[in-house]
């Protein structure tokens, strides 16, 4: 979800203002640089979907990858109420804000002085150009970003109600992020990363599911550390069972997993997330670190030798509050 300021902006700050033009990312100006993959040929189903963004940002191909974090998944537009604490139905108006947990992590890492890249797909539309420009402005390598002329950039309406509950409504039927294909992946960028970070939303439908699995396996084979934040969004899945199966389908690939208390209860079908024995059920043999976030109370972590080590919340003046804790957690 979006990086919020009251809750409106954003990982681009002024990037939502009209003075920031997205013209440099319009179709006629999408000229692949030496760092970008060239546009691919048309397919009968999806037309000439893939156009690569001009490569910019911190993690250029000249970098040795020793500190590069590659984030894979969705990048979209969140619409958040102009007044805090209201339901979506009661909100009088909405403001747009860049969103998508993997993209937020990439931007947050760059803002904190790290080197990051984003791999995913947006629509070849005004919102897609805007998001590409925001990556550029925040010095995030975008050579793995693709544009789809046949699908729109995903939209999500999100609010944090006065009762503390989050409310979501998604528009992706299908959206561009769901249509990323395996042959559109920049595998060289992925393989040179130090960390490959991803969620589970890209596992929901094909062809993105196959692209996700291929990217994760390529990273694993190259010795890259795999970081997994399931980021459960149940309304996007066809059923609770399919969500549970999808999230767990790549569980054993990850070296680091961040999970919330709510997600523990969901994956264990109602068991107590505060019970160490329950949490340890999710610890697979090759896992290096399991982190359990506790919202404003910080987190606790588990390793093969350490159990339930508490860490209180850390704050950075470079980061804004979020609708959830996971993105801030990974950025720090």
C-alpha atoms as a PDB file:
ATOM      1  CA  UNK A   1       0.000   0.000   0.000  1.00  0.00           C
ATOM      2  CA  UNK A   2       0.949   3.615  -0.284  1.00  0.00           C
ATOM      3  CA  UNK A   3       3.385   5.506   1.826  1.00  0.00           C
ATOM      4  CA  UNK A   4       1.025   7.929   3.455  1.00  0.00           C
ATOM      5  CA  UNK A   5       1.131  11.455   4.813  1.00  0.00           C
ATOM      6  CA  UNK A   6      -2.072  12.045   6.686  1.00  0.00           C
ATOM      7  CA  UNK A   7      -3.044   9.586   4.654  1.00  0.00           C
ATOM      8  CA  UNK A   8      -2.189  10.926   1.189  1.00  0.00           C
ATOM      9  CA  UNK A   9       1.359  10.770  -0.143  1.00  0.00           C
ATOM     10  CA  UNK A  10       3.458   8.832  -1.313  1.00  0.00           C
ATOM     11  CA  UNK A  11       6.871   7.551  -2.269  1.00  0.00           C
ATOM     12  CA  UNK A  12       7.390  10.377  -4.687  1.00  0.00           C
ATOM     13  CA  UNK A  13       6.436  13.434  -2.685  1.00  0.00           C
ATOM     14  CA  UNK A  14       5.876  16.150  -5.253  1.00  0.00           C
ATOM     15  CA  UNK A  15       5.730  13.596  -8.024  1.00  0.00           C
ATOM     16  CA  UNK A  16       1.957  13.750  -7.895  1.00  0.00           C
ATOM     17  CA  UNK A  17       1.903  17.459  -8.646  1.00  0.00           C
ATOM     18  CA  UNK A  18       1.038  18.592 -12.128  1.00  0.00           C
ATOM     19  CA  UNK A  19       4.423  20.218 -12.629  1.00  0.00           C
ATOM     20  CA  UNK A  20       6.012  16.765 -12.783  1.00  0.00           C
ATOM     21  CA  UNK A  21       5.448  15.612 -16.328  1.00  0.00           C
ATOM     22  CA  UNK A  22       5.413  11.943 -17.290  1.00  0.00           C
ATOM     23  CA  UNK A  23       6.164  12.781 -20.904  1.00  0.00           C
ATOM     24  CA  UNK A  24       9.557  11.101 -20.803  1.00  0.00           C
ATOM     25  CA  UNK A  25       7.809   7.763 -20.310  1.00  0.00           C
ATOM     26  CA  UNK A  26       5.210   8.043 -23.066  1.00  0.00           C
ATOM     27  CA  UNK A  27       5.258   5.382 -25.791  1.00  0.00           C
ATOM     28  CA  UNK A  28       7.075   7.514 -28.329  1.00  0.00           C
ATOM     29  CA  UNK A  29       9.861   8.220 -25.882  1.00  0.00           C
ATOM     30  CA  UNK A  30      10.373   4.688 -24.583  1.00  0.00           C
ATOM     31  CA  UNK A  31      13.795   4.125 -26.080  1.00  0.00           C
ATOM     32  CA  UNK A  32      15.627   1.294 -24.334  1.00  0.00           C
ATOM     33  CA  UNK A  33      19.051   2.326 -23.084  1.00  0.00           C
ATOM     34  CA  UNK A  34      22.009  -0.085 -23.169  1.00  0.00           C
ATOM     35  CA  UNK A  35      20.883  -1.211 -19.705  1.00  0.00           C
ATOM     36  CA  UNK A  36      17.328  -2.047 -20.747  1.00  0.00           C
ATOM     37  CA  UNK A  37      15.868  -5.115 -22.365  1.00  0.00           C
ATOM     38  CA  UNK A  38      14.500  -4.289 -25.823  1.00  0.00           C
ATOM     39  CA  UNK A  39      10.768  -4.309 -26.491  1.00  0.00           C
ATOM     40  CA  UNK A  40       9.598  -7.808 -27.279  1.00  0.00           C
ATOM     41  CA  UNK A  41       7.596  -9.084 -30.210  1.00  0.00           C
ATOM     42  CA  UNK A  42       3.821  -9.250 -30.138  1.00  0.00           C
ATOM     43  CA  UNK A  43       1.965 -12.341 -28.963  1.00  0.00           C
ATOM     44  CA  UNK A  44      -1.504 -13.312 -30.212  1.00  0.00           C
ATOM     45  CA  UNK A  45      -3.049 -12.837 -26.742  1.00  0.00           C
ATOM     46  CA  UNK A  46      -1.342  -9.829 -25.232  1.00  0.00           C
ATOM     47  CA  UNK A  47      -0.193  -7.789 -28.220  1.00  0.00           C
ATOM     48  CA  UNK A  48       3.198  -6.061 -27.978  1.00  0.00           C
ATOM     49  CA  UNK A  49       2.950  -5.902 -24.201  1.00  0.00           C
ATOM     50  CA  UNK A  50       6.526  -5.308 -23.201  1.00  0.00           C
ATOM     51  CA  UNK A  51       8.248  -1.973 -23.399  1.00  0.00           C
ATOM     52  CA  UNK A  52      11.219  -1.384 -21.161  1.00  0.00           C
ATOM     53  CA  UNK A  53      11.639   1.825 -19.224  1.00  0.00           C
ATOM     54  CA  UNK A  54      14.839   3.771 -19.824  1.00  0.00           C
ATOM     55  CA  UNK A  55      17.248   2.425 -17.213  1.00  0.00           C
ATOM     56  CA  UNK A  56      17.913   4.844 -14.391  1.00  0.00           C
ATOM     57  CA  UNK A  57      18.627   4.801 -10.700  1.00  0.00           C
ATOM     58  CA  UNK A  58      21.072   3.451  -8.185  1.00  0.00           C
ATOM     59  CA  UNK A  59      21.471  -0.196  -9.168  1.00  0.00           C
ATOM     60  CA  UNK A  60      22.952   0.203 -12.621  1.00  0.00           C
ATOM     61  CA  UNK A  61      24.507  -2.706 -14.450  1.00  0.00           C
ATOM     62  CA  UNK A  62      27.934  -1.331 -13.606  1.00  0.00           C
ATOM     63  CA  UNK A  63      27.280  -1.951  -9.921  1.00  0.00           C
ATOM     64  CA  UNK A  64      28.762  -5.143  -8.492  1.00  0.00           C
ATOM     65  CA  UNK A  65      25.501  -6.040  -6.791  1.00  0.00           C
ATOM     66  CA  UNK A  66      27.135  -6.280  -3.366  1.00  0.00           C
ATOM     67  CA  UNK A  67      24.389  -4.150  -1.825  1.00  0.00           C
ATOM     68  CA  UNK A  68      21.650  -4.256  -4.468  1.00  0.00           C
ATOM     69  CA  UNK A  69      18.125  -5.155  -3.332  1.00  0.00           C
ATOM     70  CA  UNK A  70      15.848  -6.169  -6.210  1.00  0.00           C
ATOM     71  CA  UNK A  71      12.129  -5.915  -5.406  1.00  0.00           C
ATOM     72  CA  UNK A  72       9.685  -7.930  -7.508  1.00  0.00           C
ATOM     73  CA  UNK A  73       5.937  -7.583  -7.800  1.00  0.00           C
ATOM     74  CA  UNK A  74       3.154  -5.048  -8.053  1.00  0.00           C
ATOM     75  CA  UNK A  75       3.287  -1.283  -8.445  1.00  0.00           C
ATOM     76  CA  UNK A  76      -0.062   0.477  -8.562  1.00  0.00           C
ATOM     77  CA  UNK A  77      -2.084   3.545  -7.676  1.00  0.00           C
ATOM     78  CA  UNK A  78      -3.730   3.758  -4.262  1.00  0.00           C
ATOM     79  CA  UNK A  79      -6.684   6.066  -3.733  1.00  0.00           C
ATOM     80  CA  UNK A  80      -6.943   7.164  -0.098  1.00  0.00           C
ATOM     81  CA  UNK A  81      -9.665   9.299   1.540  1.00  0.00           C
ATOM     82  CA  UNK A  82      -9.031  13.006   1.968  1.00  0.00           C
ATOM     83  CA  UNK A  83     -10.416  12.676   5.521  1.00  0.00           C
ATOM     84  CA  UNK A  84      -8.911  10.193   7.971  1.00  0.00           C
ATOM     85  CA  UNK A  85     -10.852   7.441   9.693  1.00  0.00           C
ATOM     86  CA  UNK A  86     -13.732   7.042   7.247  1.00  0.00           C
ATOM     87  CA  UNK A  87     -14.931   3.967   5.420  1.00  0.00           C
ATOM     88  CA  UNK A  88     -14.585   3.931   1.645  1.00  0.00           C
ATOM     89  CA  UNK A  89     -18.332   4.468   1.315  1.00  0.00           C
ATOM     90  CA  UNK A  90     -18.284   7.505   3.616  1.00  0.00           C
ATOM     91  CA  UNK A  91     -15.183   9.169   2.151  1.00  0.00           C
ATOM     92  CA  UNK A  92     -16.131  12.436   0.395  1.00  0.00           C
ATOM     93  CA  UNK A  93     -13.133  12.352  -1.940  1.00  0.00           C
ATOM     94  CA  UNK A  94      -9.867  10.522  -2.590  1.00  0.00           C
ATOM     95  CA  UNK A  95      -6.259  11.413  -3.370  1.00  0.00           C
ATOM     96  CA  UNK A  96      -4.048   9.236  -5.531  1.00  0.00           C
ATOM     97  CA  UNK A  97      -0.796   7.889  -4.128  1.00  0.00           C
ATOM     98  CA  UNK A  98       1.811   5.470  -5.485  1.00  0.00           C
ATOM     99  CA  UNK A  99       1.403   2.018  -3.988  1.00  0.00           C
ATOM    100  CA  UNK A 100       2.397  -1.614  -4.121  1.00  0.00           C
ATOM    101  CA  UNK A 101       4.429  -3.113  -1.277  1.00  0.00           C
ATOM    102  CA  UNK A 102       7.460  -4.269  -3.344  1.00  0.00           C
ATOM    103  CA  UNK A 103       7.741  -0.867  -5.051  1.00  0.00           C
ATOM    104  CA  UNK A 104       7.419   0.903  -1.706  1.00  0.00           C
ATOM    105  CA  UNK A 105      10.270  -1.184  -0.312  1.00  0.00           C
ATOM    106  CA  UNK A 106      12.477  -0.346  -3.303  1.00  0.00           C
ATOM    107  CA  UNK A 107      11.836   3.373  -2.903  1.00  0.00           C
ATOM    108  CA  UNK A 108      12.296   3.241   0.864  1.00  0.00           C
ATOM    109  CA  UNK A 109      15.666   1.521   0.546  1.00  0.00           C
ATOM    110  CA  UNK A 110      16.844   4.139  -1.944  1.00  0.00           C
ATOM    111  CA  UNK A 111      15.652   6.960   0.312  1.00  0.00           C
ATOM    112  CA  UNK A 112      17.657   5.509   3.171  1.00  0.00           C
ATOM    113  CA  UNK A 113      20.798   5.540   1.026  1.00  0.00           C
ATOM    114  CA  UNK A 114      20.709   1.957  -0.222  1.00  0.00           C
ATOM    115  CA  UNK A 115      20.779   0.573  -3.752  1.00  0.00           C
ATOM    116  CA  UNK A 116      17.550  -0.881  -5.085  1.00  0.00           C
ATOM    117  CA  UNK A 117      15.803  -1.957  -8.266  1.00  0.00           C
ATOM    118  CA  UNK A 118      12.211  -2.774  -9.146  1.00  0.00           C
ATOM    119  CA  UNK A 119      11.034  -5.575 -11.435  1.00  0.00           C
ATOM    120  CA  UNK A 120       7.411  -5.599 -12.548  1.00  0.00           C
ATOM    121  CA  UNK A 121       4.903  -4.266 -15.053  1.00  0.00           C
ATOM    122  CA  UNK A 122       2.601  -1.259 -15.292  1.00  0.00           C
ATOM    123  CA  UNK A 123       0.136  -0.148 -17.924  1.00  0.00           C
ATOM    124  CA  UNK A 124       1.240   2.016 -20.815  1.00  0.00           C
ATOM    125  CA  UNK A 125      -1.015   4.754 -19.470  1.00  0.00           C
ATOM    126  CA  UNK A 126      -0.789   7.988 -17.506  1.00  0.00           C
ATOM    127  CA  UNK A 127      -0.534   6.216 -14.156  1.00  0.00           C
ATOM    128  CA  UNK A 128       2.122   3.841 -15.459  1.00  0.00           C
ATOM    129  CA  UNK A 129       4.226   6.737 -16.751  1.00  0.00           C
ATOM    130  CA  UNK A 130       3.799   8.538 -13.431  1.00  0.00           C
ATOM    131  CA  UNK A 131       4.978   5.521 -11.440  1.00  0.00           C
ATOM    132  CA  UNK A 132       7.996   5.058 -13.695  1.00  0.00           C
ATOM    133  CA  UNK A 133       8.888   8.712 -13.196  1.00  0.00           C
ATOM    134  CA  UNK A 134       8.625   8.310  -9.418  1.00  0.00           C
ATOM    135  CA  UNK A 135      11.080   5.413  -9.492  1.00  0.00           C
ATOM    136  CA  UNK A 136      13.444   7.606 -11.481  1.00  0.00           C
ATOM    137  CA  UNK A 137      13.078  10.560  -9.107  1.00  0.00           C
ATOM    138  CA  UNK A 138      13.850   8.310  -6.142  1.00  0.00           C
ATOM    139  CA  UNK A 139      16.949   6.810  -7.773  1.00  0.00           C
ATOM    140  CA  UNK A 140      15.501   3.308  -8.048  1.00  0.00           C
ATOM    141  CA  UNK A 141      16.868   1.222 -10.921  1.00  0.00           C
ATOM    142  CA  UNK A 142      13.931   0.600 -13.271  1.00  0.00           C
ATOM    143  CA  UNK A 143      15.574  -1.485 -15.981  1.00  0.00           C
ATOM    144  CA  UNK A 144      13.333  -4.393 -14.969  1.00  0.00           C
ATOM    145  CA  UNK A 145      10.137  -2.348 -15.388  1.00  0.00           C
ATOM    146  CA  UNK A 146       7.901  -3.206 -18.348  1.00  0.00           C
ATOM    147  CA  UNK A 147       4.918  -1.394 -19.887  1.00  0.00           C
ATOM    148  CA  UNK A 148       1.814  -3.156 -21.196  1.00  0.00           C
ATOM    149  CA  UNK A 149      -0.169  -1.291 -23.891  1.00  0.00           C
ATOM    150  CA  UNK A 150      -3.058  -3.742 -23.579  1.00  0.00           C
ATOM    151  CA  UNK A 151      -3.775  -3.479 -19.847  1.00  0.00           C
ATOM    152  CA  UNK A 152      -4.199  -0.710 -17.307  1.00  0.00           C
ATOM    153  CA  UNK A 153      -2.115   0.055 -14.253  1.00  0.00           C
ATOM    154  CA  UNK A 154      -3.761  -1.494 -11.180  1.00  0.00           C
ATOM    155  CA  UNK A 155      -5.873   0.666  -8.863  1.00  0.00           C
ATOM    156  CA  UNK A 156      -6.726   0.156  -5.198  1.00  0.00           C
ATOM    157  CA  UNK A 157      -8.948   2.126  -2.857  1.00  0.00           C
ATOM    158  CA  UNK A 158      -7.712   1.857   0.727  1.00  0.00           C
ATOM    159  CA  UNK A 159      -8.643   3.400   4.059  1.00  0.00           C
ATOM    160  CA  UNK A 160      -7.848   3.013   7.740  1.00  0.00           C
ATOM    161  CA  UNK A 161     -11.198   3.312   9.494  1.00  0.00           C
ATOM    162  CA  UNK A 162     -11.791   4.866  12.906  1.00  0.00           C
ATOM    163  CA  UNK A 163     -12.139   1.369  14.402  1.00  0.00           C
ATOM    164  CA  UNK A 164      -8.575   0.566  13.318  1.00  0.00           C
ATOM    165  CA  UNK A 165      -9.590  -1.816  10.537  1.00  0.00           C
ATOM    166  CA  UNK A 166      -8.179  -1.460   7.033  1.00  0.00           C
ATOM    167  CA  UNK A 167     -10.563  -1.592   4.096  1.00  0.00           C
ATOM    168  CA  UNK A 168      -9.522  -2.378   0.514  1.00  0.00           C
ATOM    169  CA  UNK A 169     -11.168  -2.356  -2.891  1.00  0.00           C
ATOM    170  CA  UNK A 170      -9.082  -3.435  -5.897  1.00  0.00           C
ATOM    171  CA  UNK A 171      -9.463  -2.874  -9.654  1.00  0.00           C
ATOM    172  CA  UNK A 172      -7.376  -5.343 -11.676  1.00  0.00           C
ATOM    173  CA  UNK A 173      -9.319  -7.315 -14.314  1.00  0.00           C
ATOM    174  CA  UNK A 174      -6.588  -8.010 -15.308  1.00  0.00           C
ATOM    175  CA  UNK A 175      -4.176  -5.195 -14.558  1.00  0.00           C
ATOM    176  CA  UNK A 176      -0.744  -4.892 -16.125  1.00  0.00           C
ATOM    177  CA  UNK A 177       1.149  -6.235 -13.108  1.00  0.00           C
ATOM    178  CA  UNK A 178      -0.689  -9.556 -13.471  1.00  0.00           C
ATOM    179  CA  UNK A 179       0.552  -9.969 -17.065  1.00  0.00           C
ATOM    180  CA  UNK A 180       4.322  -9.949 -16.569  1.00  0.00           C
ATOM    181  CA  UNK A 181       5.753 -12.942 -18.426  1.00  0.00           C
ATOM    182  CA  UNK A 182       8.821 -15.036 -17.769  1.00  0.00           C
ATOM    183  CA  UNK A 183      10.504 -13.985 -21.018  1.00  0.00           C
ATOM    184  CA  UNK A 184      10.209 -10.332 -19.947  1.00  0.00           C
ATOM    185  CA  UNK A 185      12.347 -10.800 -16.835  1.00  0.00           C
ATOM    186  CA  UNK A 186      15.742  -9.143 -16.557  1.00  0.00           C
ATOM    187  CA  UNK A 187      17.431 -12.188 -15.060  1.00  0.00           C
ATOM    188  CA  UNK A 188      20.886 -10.635 -15.088  1.00  0.00           C
ATOM    189  CA  UNK A 189      19.661  -7.831 -12.849  1.00  0.00           C
ATOM    190  CA  UNK A 190      18.050 -10.350 -10.504  1.00  0.00           C
ATOM    191  CA  UNK A 191      21.090 -12.628 -10.342  1.00  0.00           C
ATOM    192  CA  UNK A 192      23.496  -9.856  -9.360  1.00  0.00           C
ATOM    193  CA  UNK A 193      21.396  -8.721  -6.395  1.00  0.00           C
ATOM    194  CA  UNK A 194      22.369  -9.270  -2.789  1.00  0.00           C
ATOM    195  CA  UNK A 195      18.709  -9.613  -1.785  1.00  0.00           C
ATOM    196  CA  UNK A 196      15.668 -10.507  -3.895  1.00  0.00           C
ATOM    197  CA  UNK A 197      12.505  -9.308  -2.151  1.00  0.00           C
ATOM    198  CA  UNK A 198       8.934 -10.247  -3.099  1.00  0.00           C
ATOM    199  CA  UNK A 199       5.391 -10.806  -1.858  1.00  0.00           C
ATOM    200  CA  UNK A 200       2.583 -13.206  -2.730  1.00  0.00           C
ATOM    201  CA  UNK A 201       0.209 -11.069  -4.807  1.00  0.00           C
ATOM    202  CA  UNK A 202       2.167 -11.894  -7.960  1.00  0.00           C
ATOM    203  CA  UNK A 203       1.409 -15.591  -7.324  1.00  0.00           C
ATOM    204  CA  UNK A 204      -2.347 -15.195  -7.751  1.00  0.00           C
ATOM    205  CA  UNK A 205      -2.703 -15.537 -11.535  1.00  0.00           C
ATOM    206  CA  UNK A 206      -0.803 -16.524 -14.644  1.00  0.00           C
ATOM    207  CA  UNK A 207       1.346 -15.474 -16.385  1.00  0.00           C
ATOM    208  CA  UNK A 208       2.826 -13.476 -13.509  1.00  0.00           C
ATOM    209  CA  UNK A 209       2.865 -16.517 -11.226  1.00  0.00           C
ATOM    210  CA  UNK A 210       5.251 -18.370 -13.533  1.00  0.00           C
ATOM    211  CA  UNK A 211       7.393 -15.257 -13.915  1.00  0.00           C
ATOM    212  CA  UNK A 212       7.572 -14.902 -10.142  1.00  0.00           C
ATOM    213  CA  UNK A 213       8.619 -18.517  -9.606  1.00  0.00           C
ATOM    214  CA  UNK A 214      11.224 -18.306 -12.384  1.00  0.00           C
ATOM    215  CA  UNK A 215      12.684 -15.100 -10.944  1.00  0.00           C
ATOM    216  CA  UNK A 216      12.887 -16.539  -7.427  1.00  0.00           C
ATOM    217  CA  UNK A 217      14.528 -19.744  -8.637  1.00  0.00           C
ATOM    218  CA  UNK A 218      17.059 -17.820 -10.734  1.00  0.00           C
ATOM    219  CA  UNK A 219      17.944 -15.689  -7.727  1.00  0.00           C
ATOM    220  CA  UNK A 220      18.257 -18.750  -5.490  1.00  0.00           C
ATOM    221  CA  UNK A 221      20.529 -20.541  -7.938  1.00  0.00           C
ATOM    222  CA  UNK A 222      22.729 -17.433  -8.126  1.00  0.00           C
ATOM    223  CA  UNK A 223      23.183 -17.398  -4.353  1.00  0.00           C
ATOM    224  CA  UNK A 224      20.991 -14.348  -3.778  1.00  0.00           C
ATOM    225  CA  UNK A 225      19.275 -14.014  -0.389  1.00  0.00           C
ATOM    226  CA  UNK A 226      15.498 -14.409  -0.811  1.00  0.00           C
ATOM    227  CA  UNK A 227      13.281 -12.154   1.303  1.00  0.00           C
ATOM    228  CA  UNK A 228       9.535 -12.900   1.465  1.00  0.00           C
ATOM    229  CA  UNK A 229       6.710 -10.751   2.818  1.00  0.00           C
ATOM    230  CA  UNK A 230       3.440 -12.634   2.110  1.00  0.00           C
ATOM    231  CA  UNK A 231       1.430  -9.380   2.393  1.00  0.00           C
ATOM    232  CA  UNK A 232      -1.926 -11.161   2.564  1.00  0.00           C
ATOM    233  CA  UNK A 233      -4.679  -9.425   0.592  1.00  0.00           C
ATOM    234  CA  UNK A 234      -7.468 -11.962   0.826  1.00  0.00           C
ATOM    235  CA  UNK A 235      -9.974 -10.140  -1.476  1.00  0.00           C
ATOM    236  CA  UNK A 236      -7.594 -10.677  -4.399  1.00  0.00           C
ATOM    237  CA  UNK A 237      -7.619 -14.458  -4.083  1.00  0.00           C
ATOM    238  CA  UNK A 238     -10.442 -16.706  -5.284  1.00  0.00           C
ATOM    239  CA  UNK A 239     -10.760 -18.296  -1.834  1.00  0.00           C
ATOM    240  CA  UNK A 240      -9.057 -18.445   1.544  1.00  0.00           C
ATOM    241  CA  UNK A 241      -7.755 -21.908   0.750  1.00  0.00           C
ATOM    242  CA  UNK A 242      -6.198 -20.810  -2.545  1.00  0.00           C
ATOM    243  CA  UNK A 243      -4.535 -17.911  -0.729  1.00  0.00           C
ATOM    244  CA  UNK A 244      -3.146 -20.243   1.918  1.00  0.00           C
ATOM    245  CA  UNK A 245      -1.863 -22.693  -0.684  1.00  0.00           C
ATOM    246  CA  UNK A 246      -0.406 -19.937  -2.861  1.00  0.00           C
ATOM    247  CA  UNK A 247       1.451 -18.227  -0.029  1.00  0.00           C
ATOM    248  CA  UNK A 248       2.889 -21.526   1.220  1.00  0.00           C
ATOM    249  CA  UNK A 249       3.787 -22.770  -2.284  1.00  0.00           C
ATOM    250  CA  UNK A 250       7.091 -20.857  -2.258  1.00  0.00           C
ATOM    251  CA  UNK A 251       7.572 -20.730   1.505  1.00  0.00           C
ATOM    252  CA  UNK A 252      10.568 -23.068   1.571  1.00  0.00           C
ATOM    253  CA  UNK A 253      12.520 -21.018  -0.989  1.00  0.00           C
ATOM    254  CA  UNK A 254      12.917 -17.993   1.276  1.00  0.00           C
ATOM    255  CA  UNK A 255      15.924 -17.244   3.476  1.00  0.00           C
ATOM    256  CA  UNK A 256      14.110 -14.451   5.319  1.00  0.00           C
ATOM    257  CA  UNK A 257      10.369 -14.289   5.958  1.00  0.00           C
ATOM    258  CA  UNK A 258       8.433 -11.400   7.479  1.00  0.00           C
ATOM    259  CA  UNK A 259       4.948 -12.276   8.647  1.00  0.00           C
ATOM    260  CA  UNK A 260       2.296 -10.502  10.680  1.00  0.00           C
ATOM    261  CA  UNK A 261       0.340 -11.954  13.583  1.00  0.00           C
ATOM    262  CA  UNK A 262      -2.790 -11.893  11.436  1.00  0.00           C
ATOM    263  CA  UNK A 263      -1.018 -13.881   8.712  1.00  0.00           C
ATOM    264  CA  UNK A 264       0.192 -16.476  11.228  1.00  0.00           C
ATOM    265  CA  UNK A 265      -3.397 -17.035  12.358  1.00  0.00           C
ATOM    266  CA  UNK A 266      -4.517 -17.278   8.740  1.00  0.00           C
ATOM    267  CA  UNK A 267      -1.823 -19.731   7.622  1.00  0.00           C
ATOM    268  CA  UNK A 268      -2.247 -21.939  10.710  1.00  0.00           C
ATOM    269  CA  UNK A 269      -6.046 -21.748  10.431  1.00  0.00           C
ATOM    270  CA  UNK A 270      -6.712 -19.911  13.652  1.00  0.00           C
ATOM    271  CA  UNK A 271      -3.868 -20.896  15.937  1.00  0.00           C
ATOM    272  CA  UNK A 272      -2.413 -18.448  18.466  1.00  0.00           C
ATOM    273  CA  UNK A 273       0.264 -16.207  16.843  1.00  0.00           C
ATOM    274  CA  UNK A 274       1.776 -15.522  20.283  1.00  0.00           C
ATOM    275  CA  UNK A 275       2.454 -19.206  20.909  1.00  0.00           C
ATOM    276  CA  UNK A 276       6.087 -19.975  20.059  1.00  0.00           C
ATOM    277  CA  UNK A 277       5.183 -23.551  19.182  1.00  0.00           C
ATOM    278  CA  UNK A 278       2.745 -22.261  16.562  1.00  0.00           C
ATOM    279  CA  UNK A 279       5.279 -19.838  15.101  1.00  0.00           C
ATOM    280  CA  UNK A 280       7.957 -22.525  14.937  1.00  0.00           C
ATOM    281  CA  UNK A 281       5.676 -24.597  12.701  1.00  0.00           C
ATOM    282  CA  UNK A 282       6.327 -21.999  10.001  1.00  0.00           C
ATOM    283  CA  UNK A 283      10.106 -22.241  10.349  1.00  0.00           C
ATOM    284  CA  UNK A 284      11.429 -24.401   7.499  1.00  0.00           C
ATOM    285  CA  UNK A 285      14.876 -26.087   7.636  1.00  0.00           C
ATOM    286  CA  UNK A 286      16.648 -23.643   5.301  1.00  0.00           C
ATOM    287  CA  UNK A 287      15.181 -20.474   6.802  1.00  0.00           C
ATOM    288  CA  UNK A 288      17.724 -18.052   8.286  1.00  0.00           C
ATOM    289  CA  UNK A 289      15.367 -15.566   9.900  1.00  0.00           C
ATOM    290  CA  UNK A 290      11.641 -15.435  10.672  1.00  0.00           C
ATOM    291  CA  UNK A 291      10.289 -12.033  11.691  1.00  0.00           C
ATOM    292  CA  UNK A 292       6.875 -11.509  13.243  1.00  0.00           C
ATOM    293  CA  UNK A 293       5.644  -7.918  13.168  1.00  0.00           C
ATOM    294  CA  UNK A 294       3.416  -6.605  15.938  1.00  0.00           C
ATOM    295  CA  UNK A 295       2.277  -3.280  14.479  1.00  0.00           C
ATOM    296  CA  UNK A 296       3.250  -0.306  16.670  1.00  0.00           C
ATOM    297  CA  UNK A 297       4.787  -2.666  19.252  1.00  0.00           C
ATOM    298  CA  UNK A 298       7.703  -3.594  16.979  1.00  0.00           C
ATOM    299  CA  UNK A 299       8.501  -7.216  16.189  1.00  0.00           C
ATOM    300  CA  UNK A 300       9.994 -10.434  17.443  1.00  0.00           C
ATOM    301  CA  UNK A 301      12.326 -12.714  15.551  1.00  0.00           C
ATOM    302  CA  UNK A 302      13.288 -16.362  15.396  1.00  0.00           C
ATOM    303  CA  UNK A 303      16.408 -18.106  14.108  1.00  0.00           C
ATOM    304  CA  UNK A 304      17.589 -21.689  14.410  1.00  0.00           C
ATOM    305  CA  UNK A 305      19.096 -20.902  17.806  1.00  0.00           C
ATOM    306  CA  UNK A 306      17.119 -17.862  19.034  1.00  0.00           C
ATOM    307  CA  UNK A 307      13.414 -17.820  19.860  1.00  0.00           C
ATOM    308  CA  UNK A 308      11.089 -14.879  20.396  1.00  0.00           C
ATOM    309  CA  UNK A 309      13.637 -12.063  20.589  1.00  0.00           C
ATOM    310  CA  UNK A 310      11.764  -8.771  20.976  1.00  0.00           C
ATOM    311  CA  UNK A 311      12.708  -5.605  19.062  1.00  0.00           C
ATOM    312  CA  UNK A 312      10.881  -2.367  19.737  1.00  0.00           C
ATOM    313  CA  UNK A 313       9.798  -0.202  16.820  1.00  0.00           C
ATOM    314  CA  UNK A 314      12.435   1.893  15.091  1.00  0.00           C
ATOM    315  CA  UNK A 315      11.539   5.162  13.412  1.00  0.00           C
ATOM    316  CA  UNK A 316      13.284   7.168  10.719  1.00  0.00           C
ATOM    317  CA  UNK A 317      12.715  10.799   9.849  1.00  0.00           C
ATOM    318  CA  UNK A 318      13.037   9.824   6.173  1.00  0.00           C
ATOM    319  CA  UNK A 319       9.937   7.605   6.274  1.00  0.00           C
ATOM    320  CA  UNK A 320       6.250   8.389   6.531  1.00  0.00           C
ATOM    321  CA  UNK A 321       3.574   6.298   8.317  1.00  0.00           C
ATOM    322  CA  UNK A 322       1.952   3.508   6.346  1.00  0.00           C
ATOM    323  CA  UNK A 323      -1.347   1.683   6.224  1.00  0.00           C
ATOM    324  CA  UNK A 324       0.600  -1.366   7.418  1.00  0.00           C
ATOM    325  CA  UNK A 325       3.895  -1.996   9.150  1.00  0.00           C
ATOM    326  CA  UNK A 326       5.579  -4.405   6.756  1.00  0.00           C
ATOM    327  CA  UNK A 327       6.895  -1.922   4.206  1.00  0.00           C
ATOM    328  CA  UNK A 328       8.464   0.343   6.822  1.00  0.00           C
ATOM    329  CA  UNK A 329       9.886  -2.737   8.478  1.00  0.00           C
ATOM    330  CA  UNK A 330      11.686  -3.910   5.354  1.00  0.00           C
ATOM    331  CA  UNK A 331      12.938  -0.434   4.473  1.00  0.00           C
ATOM    332  CA  UNK A 332      14.728  -0.139   7.813  1.00  0.00           C
END
